[in-house]
Protein backbone atom coordinates (compact mmCIF):
# COMPACT_ATOMS: atom_id res chain seq x y z
CA UNK A 1 79.92 58.27 130.07
CA UNK A 2 77.24 57.86 127.93
CA UNK A 3 76.96 60.79 125.47
CA UNK A 4 73.91 63.51 126.32
CA UNK A 5 72.41 65.41 123.36
CA UNK A 6 71.98 68.14 125.08
CA UNK A 7 72.60 69.41 128.25
CA UNK A 8 70.59 72.45 129.49
CA UNK A 9 71.54 74.19 133.06
CA UNK A 10 69.17 77.12 133.98
CA UNK A 11 68.25 78.72 136.94
CA UNK A 12 70.76 79.78 139.47
CA UNK A 13 72.61 76.54 139.76
CA UNK A 14 75.95 76.55 140.11
CA UNK A 15 77.45 73.37 138.70
CA UNK A 16 81.06 72.39 139.93
CA UNK A 17 82.75 69.69 137.93
CA UNK A 18 85.44 68.21 139.82
CA UNK A 19 86.32 65.11 138.38
CA UNK A 20 90.13 64.29 136.71
CA UNK A 21 88.33 63.64 133.58
CA UNK A 22 84.68 64.20 132.28
CA UNK A 23 83.61 63.39 128.51
CA UNK A 24 81.08 63.26 126.51
CA UNK A 25 79.08 65.99 128.40
CA UNK A 26 76.63 66.93 125.59
CA UNK A 27 75.79 67.75 122.06
CA UNK A 28 75.19 70.94 122.94
CA UNK A 29 75.84 72.61 126.32
CA UNK A 30 73.20 75.68 127.27
CA UNK A 31 74.12 77.41 130.18
CA UNK A 32 71.11 80.13 131.20
CA UNK A 33 72.48 82.25 134.04
CA UNK A 34 74.44 79.59 135.78
CA UNK A 35 77.59 79.25 136.51
CA UNK A 36 79.80 76.25 135.85
CA UNK A 37 83.16 75.58 137.54
CA UNK A 38 85.62 73.33 136.51
CA UNK A 39 88.39 73.20 138.68
CA UNK A 40 92.06 72.97 137.95
CA UNK A 41 92.56 68.96 137.20
CA UNK A 42 89.47 68.75 135.23
CA UNK A 43 89.16 67.95 130.97
CA UNK A 44 85.57 68.46 130.28
CA UNK A 45 84.73 67.48 126.42
CA UNK A 46 81.97 68.71 125.30
CA UNK A 47 81.27 66.81 121.74
CA UNK A 48 79.03 69.68 120.49
CA UNK A 49 78.02 73.07 121.37
CA UNK A 50 78.29 75.67 123.61
CA UNK A 51 75.93 78.09 124.41
CA UNK A 52 75.78 81.03 127.19
CA UNK A 53 72.87 82.90 127.58
CA UNK A 54 71.46 85.50 130.08
CA UNK A 55 74.51 85.53 132.14
CA UNK A 56 75.84 82.38 132.11
CA UNK A 57 79.57 81.96 132.82
CA UNK A 58 82.23 79.46 133.33
CA UNK A 59 84.33 79.93 136.29
CA UNK A 60 87.39 77.42 134.86
CA UNK A 61 90.19 76.53 136.20
CA UNK A 62 90.70 73.40 133.84
CA UNK A 63 90.40 72.51 130.34
CA UNK A 64 87.27 72.29 127.87
CA UNK A 65 87.59 70.50 124.99
CA UNK A 66 85.41 71.53 122.41
CA UNK A 67 84.38 69.79 119.44
CA UNK A 68 81.49 72.47 118.31
CA UNK A 69 80.93 76.05 117.98
CA UNK A 70 81.29 78.49 120.71
CA UNK A 71 78.05 80.87 121.41
CA UNK A 72 78.53 83.90 123.90
CA UNK A 73 75.43 85.45 123.94
CA UNK A 74 75.47 86.08 128.22
CA UNK A 75 76.29 89.58 128.12
CA UNK A 76 79.49 88.46 130.28
CA UNK A 77 82.51 88.10 128.86
CA UNK A 78 82.28 84.17 128.93
CA UNK A 79 85.02 83.53 131.48
CA UNK A 80 85.06 84.54 135.42
CA UNK A 81 88.32 86.84 135.61
CA UNK A 82 88.42 85.31 138.97
CA UNK A 83 89.38 82.33 137.63
CA UNK A 84 92.71 83.11 135.60
CA UNK A 85 94.26 79.57 134.36
CA UNK A 86 91.41 77.71 132.20
CA UNK A 87 91.27 76.49 128.82
CA UNK A 88 89.07 76.05 126.20
CA UNK A 89 90.33 74.11 123.27
CA UNK A 90 89.11 74.18 119.36
CA UNK A 91 89.36 70.56 118.71
CA UNK A 92 86.71 69.99 115.97
CA UNK A 93 86.55 70.63 112.15
CA UNK A 94 85.42 74.32 110.99
CA UNK A 95 84.20 76.07 114.31
CA UNK A 96 83.12 79.07 115.07
CA UNK A 97 83.64 81.67 117.66
CA UNK A 98 80.39 83.93 118.07
CA UNK A 99 77.47 84.97 119.94
CA UNK A 100 76.40 88.76 120.78
CA UNK A 101 78.91 89.41 123.68
CA UNK A 102 82.71 89.80 123.82
CA UNK A 103 84.42 86.83 125.05
CA UNK A 104 87.93 86.85 126.92
CA UNK A 105 89.43 83.70 126.79
CA UNK A 106 92.80 82.52 129.13
CA UNK A 107 94.45 80.34 126.97
CA UNK A 108 92.59 79.66 123.79
CA UNK A 109 93.93 76.28 122.05
CA UNK A 110 93.20 75.23 118.37
CA UNK A 111 93.20 71.91 117.22
CA UNK A 112 91.04 69.60 115.16
CA UNK A 113 90.87 69.31 111.66
CA UNK A 114 89.16 72.76 110.30
CA UNK A 115 89.84 76.33 110.65
CA UNK A 116 88.53 78.94 113.04
CA UNK A 117 86.02 81.60 112.01
CA UNK A 118 85.60 85.09 114.54
CA UNK A 119 81.80 85.87 114.34
CA UNK A 120 82.52 88.22 117.14
CA UNK A 121 85.48 90.17 118.82
CA UNK A 122 87.19 88.57 121.25
CA UNK A 123 90.32 88.84 123.40
CA UNK A 124 92.97 86.05 124.38
CA UNK A 125 95.09 86.20 127.33
CA UNK A 126 92.97 86.56 130.32
CA UNK A 127 91.02 89.53 132.24
CA UNK A 128 92.56 90.61 135.13
CA UNK A 129 95.90 87.76 134.96
CA UNK A 130 96.98 88.60 131.41
CA UNK A 131 98.96 85.91 130.82
CA UNK A 132 97.24 83.34 128.73
CA UNK A 133 98.57 82.05 125.35
CA UNK A 134 96.87 81.55 121.97
CA UNK A 135 98.30 78.54 120.52
CA UNK A 136 97.23 77.89 116.59
CA UNK A 137 99.08 74.98 116.32
CA UNK A 138 98.53 73.69 112.58
CA UNK A 139 94.99 75.97 112.13
CA UNK A 140 94.34 78.93 110.39
CA UNK A 141 92.27 81.41 112.79
CA UNK A 142 90.18 83.66 110.12
CA UNK A 143 89.11 87.24 111.68
CA UNK A 144 86.59 87.68 109.06
CA UNK A 145 86.79 91.41 109.81
CA UNK A 146 86.29 90.78 113.62
CA UNK A 147 88.84 92.23 116.08
CA UNK A 148 91.37 89.53 118.15
CA UNK A 149 93.05 91.07 121.14
CA UNK A 150 96.19 89.72 122.34
CA UNK A 151 96.18 90.81 126.39
CA UNK A 152 98.97 88.85 127.17
CA UNK A 153 102.26 91.76 126.75
CA UNK A 154 104.86 89.04 125.93
CA UNK A 155 105.82 87.77 122.40
CA UNK A 156 104.98 84.11 123.68
CA UNK A 157 101.37 85.07 123.68
CA UNK A 158 100.86 83.63 120.53
CA UNK A 159 102.33 80.37 119.23
CA UNK A 160 102.14 78.20 116.28
CA UNK A 161 103.72 75.29 114.39
CA UNK A 162 102.34 75.85 110.51
CA UNK A 163 99.18 77.79 111.45
CA UNK A 164 98.83 81.44 111.13
CA UNK A 165 96.02 84.71 111.78
CA UNK A 166 93.98 85.02 108.68
CA UNK A 167 93.54 88.95 108.04
CA UNK A 168 92.72 90.01 104.29
CA UNK A 169 89.14 91.52 104.37
CA UNK A 170 88.92 94.65 102.30
CA UNK A 171 87.38 97.89 104.07
CA UNK A 172 84.40 97.48 102.49
CA UNK A 173 84.28 94.48 104.37
CA UNK A 174 86.15 96.08 107.18
CA UNK A 175 89.29 94.94 108.49
CA UNK A 176 90.73 91.84 110.47
CA UNK A 177 92.32 93.12 112.92
CA UNK A 178 94.97 91.74 115.66
CA UNK A 179 95.59 93.77 118.47
CA UNK A 180 98.53 92.95 120.54
CA UNK A 181 98.27 94.90 123.92
CA UNK A 182 102.03 95.11 124.72
CA UNK A 183 102.38 97.82 127.35
CA UNK A 184 105.42 100.12 127.03
CA UNK A 185 107.25 97.31 124.86
CA UNK A 186 110.55 95.55 126.60
CA UNK A 187 113.54 96.14 124.22
CA UNK A 188 114.82 93.19 122.46
CA UNK A 189 110.60 91.75 122.78
CA UNK A 190 110.38 90.88 118.93
CA UNK A 191 106.48 90.60 118.51
CA UNK A 192 105.65 88.42 115.26
CA UNK A 193 102.26 89.38 114.02
CA UNK A 194 101.51 85.72 112.57
CA UNK A 195 99.14 86.67 109.61
CA UNK A 196 98.91 84.37 106.48
CA UNK A 197 97.01 83.91 103.19
CA UNK A 198 94.23 81.05 103.44
CA UNK A 199 94.00 80.82 99.50
CA UNK A 200 97.47 80.31 98.70
CA UNK A 201 98.51 79.19 102.57
CA UNK A 202 101.73 81.60 102.16
CA UNK A 203 103.01 82.21 105.75
CA UNK A 204 103.15 86.45 106.31
CA UNK A 205 104.51 87.41 109.54
CA UNK A 206 104.88 91.15 110.27
CA UNK A 207 107.44 91.17 113.10
CA UNK A 208 107.21 94.27 115.52
CA UNK A 209 110.67 94.40 117.26
CA UNK A 210 111.28 97.09 119.90
CA UNK A 211 113.98 98.75 120.29
CA UNK A 212 113.29 101.57 122.43
CA UNK A 213 110.59 100.87 125.01
CA UNK A 214 107.40 103.20 124.64
CA UNK A 215 105.51 105.24 127.87
CA UNK A 216 102.23 103.60 127.83
CA UNK A 217 101.10 101.10 130.54
CA UNK A 218 98.23 100.25 127.95
CA UNK A 219 100.01 100.45 125.17
CA UNK A 220 98.67 98.48 122.16
CA UNK A 221 99.42 97.95 118.51
CA UNK A 222 96.83 97.00 115.83
CA UNK A 223 97.63 95.68 112.24
CA UNK A 224 95.75 94.06 109.66
CA UNK A 225 96.43 93.42 105.80
CA UNK A 226 95.09 92.29 102.74
CA UNK A 227 95.94 91.78 99.03
CA UNK A 228 94.27 93.12 96.28
CA UNK A 229 94.04 91.63 92.57
CA UNK A 230 96.68 92.17 90.28
CA UNK A 231 95.03 91.44 87.28
CA UNK A 232 92.92 94.75 87.60
CA UNK A 233 93.66 97.43 85.50
CA UNK A 234 94.58 99.73 87.50
CA UNK A 235 95.25 97.39 90.18
CA UNK A 236 96.09 97.87 93.76
CA UNK A 237 92.16 98.44 94.26
CA UNK A 238 90.44 98.65 96.60
CA UNK A 239 92.16 101.03 98.05
CA UNK A 240 92.14 101.28 101.91
CA UNK A 241 90.19 103.72 103.66
CA UNK A 242 91.62 107.66 103.53
CA UNK A 243 93.08 106.55 100.60
CA UNK A 244 91.84 108.20 97.76
CA UNK A 245 94.26 107.99 94.59
CA UNK A 246 97.43 105.90 93.87
CA UNK A 247 99.49 108.06 91.61
CA UNK A 248 103.26 108.75 91.12
CA UNK A 249 104.67 112.34 91.02
CA UNK A 250 103.68 113.08 87.47
CA UNK A 251 100.16 112.52 88.09
CA UNK A 252 99.79 109.08 86.57
CA UNK A 253 98.04 106.27 88.43
CA UNK A 254 101.32 104.31 90.19
CA UNK A 255 99.54 100.96 90.53
CA UNK A 256 102.02 99.09 88.77
CA UNK A 257 104.37 99.94 90.29
CA UNK A 258 103.09 98.98 94.00
CA UNK A 259 102.74 95.77 95.47
CA UNK A 260 99.47 94.37 96.34
CA UNK A 261 99.19 94.41 99.72
CA UNK A 262 98.69 97.44 102.01
CA UNK A 263 99.04 97.21 105.96
CA UNK A 264 96.89 99.24 108.35
CA UNK A 265 98.09 100.20 111.85
CA UNK A 266 96.67 101.79 114.85
CA UNK A 267 99.03 102.53 117.88
CA UNK A 268 97.22 103.31 120.90
CA UNK A 269 97.46 104.68 124.32
CA UNK A 270 101.12 105.96 124.19
CA UNK A 271 102.80 109.46 125.73
CA UNK A 272 105.65 108.25 124.31
CA UNK A 273 105.84 105.78 120.93
CA UNK A 274 108.57 102.98 121.24
CA UNK A 275 110.98 102.68 118.69
CA UNK A 276 111.04 99.56 116.40
CA UNK A 277 112.40 97.36 113.28
CA UNK A 278 109.58 95.94 111.43
CA UNK A 279 109.69 93.26 109.17
CA UNK A 280 106.87 93.93 106.45
CA UNK A 281 106.02 90.59 104.48
CA UNK A 282 104.98 89.70 100.70
CA UNK A 283 103.93 87.37 98.25
CA UNK A 284 105.83 87.04 94.95
CA UNK A 285 102.35 87.02 93.08
CA UNK A 286 101.82 90.39 94.67
CA UNK A 287 104.42 92.08 92.64
CA UNK A 288 105.59 89.85 89.09
CA UNK A 289 102.15 89.05 88.45
CA UNK A 290 98.92 90.95 86.79
CA UNK A 291 99.74 94.71 85.32
CA UNK A 292 102.66 95.48 87.54
CA UNK A 293 106.16 96.10 86.15
CA UNK A 294 108.27 96.01 89.58
CA UNK A 295 111.68 95.32 89.72
CA UNK A 296 111.85 93.16 92.68
CA UNK A 297 115.52 94.38 94.09
CA UNK A 298 113.86 97.85 94.24
CA UNK A 299 111.30 97.54 96.47
CA UNK A 300 110.90 99.96 99.53
CA UNK A 301 108.36 100.92 102.30
CA UNK A 302 106.26 104.29 101.75
CA UNK A 303 103.81 105.23 104.21
CA UNK A 304 100.88 107.75 103.80
CA UNK A 305 101.30 110.35 106.84
CA UNK A 306 97.98 111.74 108.30
CA UNK A 307 96.00 111.12 105.59
CA UNK A 308 97.37 113.22 102.80
CA UNK A 309 102.02 113.15 102.28
CA UNK A 310 103.77 109.90 101.06
CA UNK A 311 106.88 109.62 102.84
CA UNK A 312 109.82 109.83 100.76
CA UNK A 313 112.30 108.83 99.39
CA UNK A 314 110.86 105.47 99.90
CA UNK A 315 112.77 103.40 102.40
CA UNK A 316 114.23 100.26 103.98
CA UNK A 317 116.00 97.25 102.78
CA UNK A 318 114.48 94.43 100.49
CA UNK A 319 115.30 90.79 101.10
CA UNK A 320 114.06 89.02 97.56
CA UNK A 321 114.43 85.15 99.22
CA UNK A 322 112.70 86.02 102.07
CA UNK A 323 110.16 88.44 100.48
CA UNK A 324 110.49 90.97 103.37
CA UNK A 325 110.96 94.81 103.37
CA UNK A 326 112.87 95.87 106.82
CA UNK A 327 112.72 99.29 108.33
CA UNK A 328 114.55 100.23 111.32
CA UNK A 329 114.42 102.95 113.73
CA UNK A 330 110.71 103.91 113.32
CA UNK A 331 108.65 105.96 115.92
CA UNK A 332 105.80 106.67 113.39
CA UNK A 333 103.03 104.36 112.58
CA UNK A 334 100.92 106.07 110.39
CA UNK A 335 97.69 104.11 109.33
CA UNK A 336 98.41 102.99 106.00
CA UNK A 337 101.65 101.35 104.55
CA UNK A 338 102.53 99.80 101.18
CA UNK A 339 105.54 98.61 99.44
CA UNK A 340 106.51 100.16 96.08
CA UNK A 341 109.39 100.16 93.37
CA UNK A 342 111.53 103.04 94.72
CA UNK A 343 111.59 104.40 90.97
CA UNK A 344 108.31 105.74 91.19
CA UNK A 345 107.69 106.46 94.22
CA UNK A 346 104.11 108.06 95.38
CA UNK A 347 103.98 111.27 95.09
CA UNK A 348 105.03 114.88 96.36
CA UNK A 349 101.69 115.86 97.76
CA UNK A 350 100.28 119.45 97.55
CA UNK A 351 98.38 119.60 101.03
CA UNK A 352 97.12 123.05 100.40
CA UNK A 353 96.77 126.27 97.91
CA UNK A 354 94.90 129.18 98.37
CA UNK A 355 94.88 133.02 96.82
CA UNK A 356 93.55 135.76 98.74
CA UNK A 357 93.33 139.50 97.64
CA UNK A 358 94.97 141.50 100.84
CA UNK A 359 93.89 145.41 101.75
CA UNK A 360 95.98 146.44 98.81
CA UNK A 361 93.59 144.34 96.33
CA UNK A 362 97.28 142.07 95.71
CA UNK A 363 96.94 138.37 95.37
CA UNK A 364 98.83 136.60 97.94
CA UNK A 365 99.55 132.92 97.07
CA UNK A 366 100.20 130.60 100.08
CA UNK A 367 100.83 127.07 99.21
CA UNK A 368 102.22 124.02 101.21
CA UNK A 369 103.75 120.82 100.21
CA UNK A 370 105.25 117.33 101.57
CA UNK A 371 107.57 114.71 100.73
CA UNK A 372 109.43 116.48 97.97
CA UNK A 373 111.21 113.99 95.85
CA UNK A 374 113.37 115.46 92.62
CA UNK A 375 111.22 118.71 92.95
CA UNK A 376 112.79 121.44 90.63
CA UNK A 377 110.57 124.44 90.68
CA UNK A 378 107.05 125.60 90.78
CA UNK A 379 105.92 127.76 87.76
CA UNK A 380 102.53 130.26 89.20
CA UNK A 381 100.32 130.72 85.80
CA UNK A 382 97.07 133.31 85.72
CA UNK A 383 94.40 133.63 83.98
CA UNK A 384 91.32 135.94 83.10
CA UNK A 385 88.70 133.01 81.76
CA UNK A 386 90.16 129.69 83.80
CA UNK A 387 91.13 128.62 80.28
CA UNK A 388 93.75 129.88 78.89
CA UNK A 389 96.72 130.47 81.20
CA UNK A 390 100.26 131.99 81.16
CA UNK A 391 103.20 132.36 83.12
CA UNK A 392 103.73 134.65 86.32
CA UNK A 393 106.28 133.27 88.39
CA UNK A 394 109.03 130.62 89.31
CA UNK A 395 109.76 129.58 92.52
CA UNK A 396 112.19 127.14 93.02
CA UNK A 397 111.47 123.63 95.05
CA UNK A 398 113.20 122.17 97.85
CA UNK A 399 113.97 118.98 95.95
CA UNK A 400 114.27 116.55 98.71
CA UNK A 401 111.92 116.57 101.81
CA UNK A 402 109.98 114.33 103.88
CA UNK A 403 108.94 117.85 105.61
CA UNK A 404 106.22 119.69 105.44
CA UNK A 405 107.03 122.99 103.63
CA UNK A 406 105.32 126.41 103.02
CA UNK A 407 106.02 128.57 99.76
CA UNK A 408 104.38 132.00 99.01
CA UNK A 409 103.92 134.41 96.22
CA UNK A 410 101.93 137.79 95.86
CA UNK A 411 100.75 138.79 92.45
CA UNK A 412 100.49 142.48 92.50
CA UNK A 413 98.29 142.79 89.26
CA UNK A 414 95.25 140.75 89.18
CA UNK A 415 92.60 142.02 86.73
CA UNK A 416 89.01 143.36 87.33
CA UNK A 417 86.55 140.35 87.75
CA UNK A 418 87.83 137.37 87.88
CA UNK A 419 91.54 136.41 88.07
CA UNK A 420 92.57 132.51 88.25
CA UNK A 421 95.53 130.56 89.13
CA UNK A 422 97.47 127.35 89.01
CA UNK A 423 100.46 125.85 89.69
CA UNK A 424 102.60 123.88 87.70
CA UNK A 425 104.88 121.53 89.87
CA UNK A 426 107.62 120.40 87.80
CA UNK A 427 110.17 117.49 88.71
CA UNK A 428 114.39 117.30 87.64
CA UNK A 429 113.46 114.71 84.97
CA UNK A 430 111.40 117.26 83.53
CA UNK A 431 107.93 115.53 84.56
CA UNK A 432 105.33 117.93 85.77
CA UNK A 433 101.58 117.80 87.39
CA UNK A 434 99.47 121.09 87.71
CA UNK A 435 97.51 121.47 91.19
CA UNK A 436 93.67 122.76 91.44
CA UNK A 437 93.00 126.44 90.00
CA UNK A 438 92.15 128.80 92.90
CA UNK A 439 90.72 132.28 91.65
CA UNK A 440 90.34 135.97 93.27
CA UNK A 441 87.31 138.06 92.39
CA UNK A 442 87.39 142.07 92.23
CA UNK A 443 83.72 143.36 91.17
CA UNK A 444 82.91 147.28 89.72
CA UNK A 445 81.85 147.95 93.77
CA UNK A 446 85.65 147.75 94.23
CA UNK A 447 84.77 144.77 96.52
CA UNK A 448 87.13 141.76 96.94
CA UNK A 449 85.93 137.66 97.19
CA UNK A 450 87.88 135.09 97.59
CA UNK A 451 86.56 131.49 97.52
CA UNK A 452 88.51 128.31 98.16
CA UNK A 453 89.41 125.90 98.24
CA UNK A 454 88.15 124.85 95.20
CA UNK A 455 87.67 121.89 94.26
CA UNK A 456 86.16 121.62 97.57
CA UNK A 457 84.79 118.68 99.48
CA UNK A 458 83.45 119.44 103.00
CA UNK A 459 83.06 123.41 103.27
CA UNK A 460 83.88 126.18 101.46
CA UNK A 461 85.63 129.69 102.47
CA UNK A 462 84.49 132.67 101.33
CA UNK A 463 86.17 135.94 102.28
CA UNK A 464 84.55 139.45 101.05
CA UNK A 465 86.18 142.84 101.48
CA UNK A 466 85.56 146.51 100.52
CA UNK A 467 81.94 145.99 99.58
CA UNK A 468 79.81 149.25 99.19
CA UNK A 469 76.62 146.98 99.39
CA UNK A 470 77.14 143.83 101.44
CA UNK A 471 75.97 140.23 100.53
CA UNK A 472 72.86 139.00 101.73
CA UNK A 473 72.58 135.90 100.42
CA UNK A 474 73.91 132.66 99.01
CA UNK A 475 72.95 129.96 96.39
CA UNK A 476 74.13 126.75 95.14
CA UNK A 477 73.01 126.23 91.55
CA UNK A 478 73.73 123.11 89.50
CA UNK A 479 74.66 122.58 85.75
CA UNK A 480 70.95 122.77 84.32
CA UNK A 481 70.08 125.99 86.09
CA UNK A 482 68.72 124.46 89.22
CA UNK A 483 69.26 126.18 93.24
CA UNK A 484 69.84 123.19 95.02
CA UNK A 485 71.03 124.95 98.11
CA UNK A 486 70.29 128.51 99.53
CA UNK A 487 70.52 130.58 102.70
CA UNK A 488 71.24 133.82 104.47
CA UNK A 489 74.96 134.19 103.93
CA UNK A 490 75.08 135.82 107.91
CA UNK A 491 74.13 132.48 109.18
CA UNK A 492 77.57 131.27 108.43
CA UNK A 493 79.68 134.20 109.48
CA UNK A 494 82.72 133.08 111.20
CA UNK A 495 84.57 137.00 111.40
CA UNK A 496 83.41 140.40 110.04
CA UNK A 497 84.54 139.95 106.29
CA UNK A 498 84.75 135.63 106.36
CA UNK A 499 82.23 132.92 106.10
CA UNK A 500 82.51 129.25 105.97
CA UNK A 501 79.88 127.17 104.08
CA UNK A 502 79.29 123.27 104.24
CA UNK A 503 79.17 121.51 101.10
CA UNK A 504 79.50 118.01 101.98
CA UNK A 505 76.02 117.06 101.57
CA UNK A 506 75.69 118.04 97.83
CA UNK A 507 76.48 115.90 95.12
CA UNK A 508 79.91 115.72 94.08
CA UNK A 509 79.99 118.07 90.46
CA UNK A 510 80.12 121.24 89.06
CA UNK A 511 78.05 124.22 90.35
CA UNK A 512 77.75 127.93 90.11
CA UNK A 513 78.69 129.62 93.41
CA UNK A 514 76.24 133.27 93.53
CA UNK A 515 76.44 135.76 96.40
CA UNK A 516 73.81 138.53 95.73
CA UNK A 517 72.91 141.89 98.07
CA UNK A 518 69.58 142.45 95.89
CA UNK A 519 70.76 145.33 94.31
CA UNK A 520 72.74 144.98 91.57
CA UNK A 521 74.50 142.20 89.60
CA UNK A 522 74.94 138.83 91.45
CA UNK A 523 78.77 137.29 92.24
CA UNK A 524 78.94 134.16 90.62
CA UNK A 525 81.65 131.77 89.90
CA UNK A 526 82.32 127.88 88.94
CA UNK A 527 83.04 125.82 92.12
CA UNK A 528 83.65 121.88 91.60
CA UNK A 529 82.48 120.14 94.67
CA UNK A 530 83.91 116.34 95.11
């Protein structure tokens, strides 16, 4: 058959291709509101691009061999669900799969001479019958910040020789996510997420081996990964979404002891999560180059639970020959994971610290920790000016804990006016760091005012009691004396004495929070918004 430079099928035509072998269909095949049926024994070779428009769709039980780009603008999945056994072969040089519509392939095979790049989210494995296969062969599939969903729940749904899937994009660009709809996950199924780095051509598979099935017919596992630049100081940047700092138990930057690679998880649609053994990969250049000072034999995993607390102590078994860390018995799939040198783990986490006055004008101090490692004790310190602190009490710590712990203390003699409090968190080796500073206030009218948290991010809580003349309004004043926000206090009243004021729209910085009752001197305190 002679080559056709362009074939344009339009209107309501239904083209049925039923030859044993059809080649050289077109350099550009456009389906515009057309259904093209490719029967089971047919091979259609398109030596150019395929463009689906306005409901154009393939009824494909055969094979479409494509050397150009695949673009789906049809507002359909591109392939009819009632034709469940077709294959698309990307057999060209550099090829893109894109368009403004989500495409669901049944079998997708990558061959040819170039890498394949997503320009849109896609699914592979079939629609109603989900037994199709993604065959990478020796090609690289670049997710390019898009999502690839494998709809076949079996481990054989992805095959390869030397090819791999490239996730690798940082959060600002958008993660390249591989989602596998594994359903409940059969015991013994070992799902290999075949990641790799296209710069160094390192194969970096992450194994997700089910040891106890979950409960969730639509259960899925989504994983993304990306490396960071080891030459930066501090390195391990950019941080994943939801991680604001990378510090050790002493409050110093811990980047030199963290492998320059992150793993992001989302395990969804389960009523009972599966239990797994997971094997995490890393490259040598991600631990032994740049500003890193890591001992490879010390490498272990840590995960950030709920965006606030690192698991303690680091866990897993490193294999320095294979460049992997294996963790067993996992049914917690927190969003952020990384690999650290166990001698300098990511820190004990102070989840919350509050200071409030009770009805007796005693200050009630409460704080919550997570992931304590070698924590010795807490020194409670107080001040009347927020700068010069003195020792108040010592509270012993748990030393080791993976759970959330609550601590309490009482100051029965706060000062008139402001009293400031902070916690000195001391480790067994003498290292220490300070908490944020909290304060209470007792005014000359016997009113007590508590303001927390400080620093604040999204909102500020105010509790006022025993005021002879109630406060009526509040204002935020910046460092040069400008009022940047003011309103009636009653607008934000939760209960009789409590108010919640949003501050997420204010720029980060130091402010004076003023409360006024229109009679005497207003209450004012410093508060930092981050």
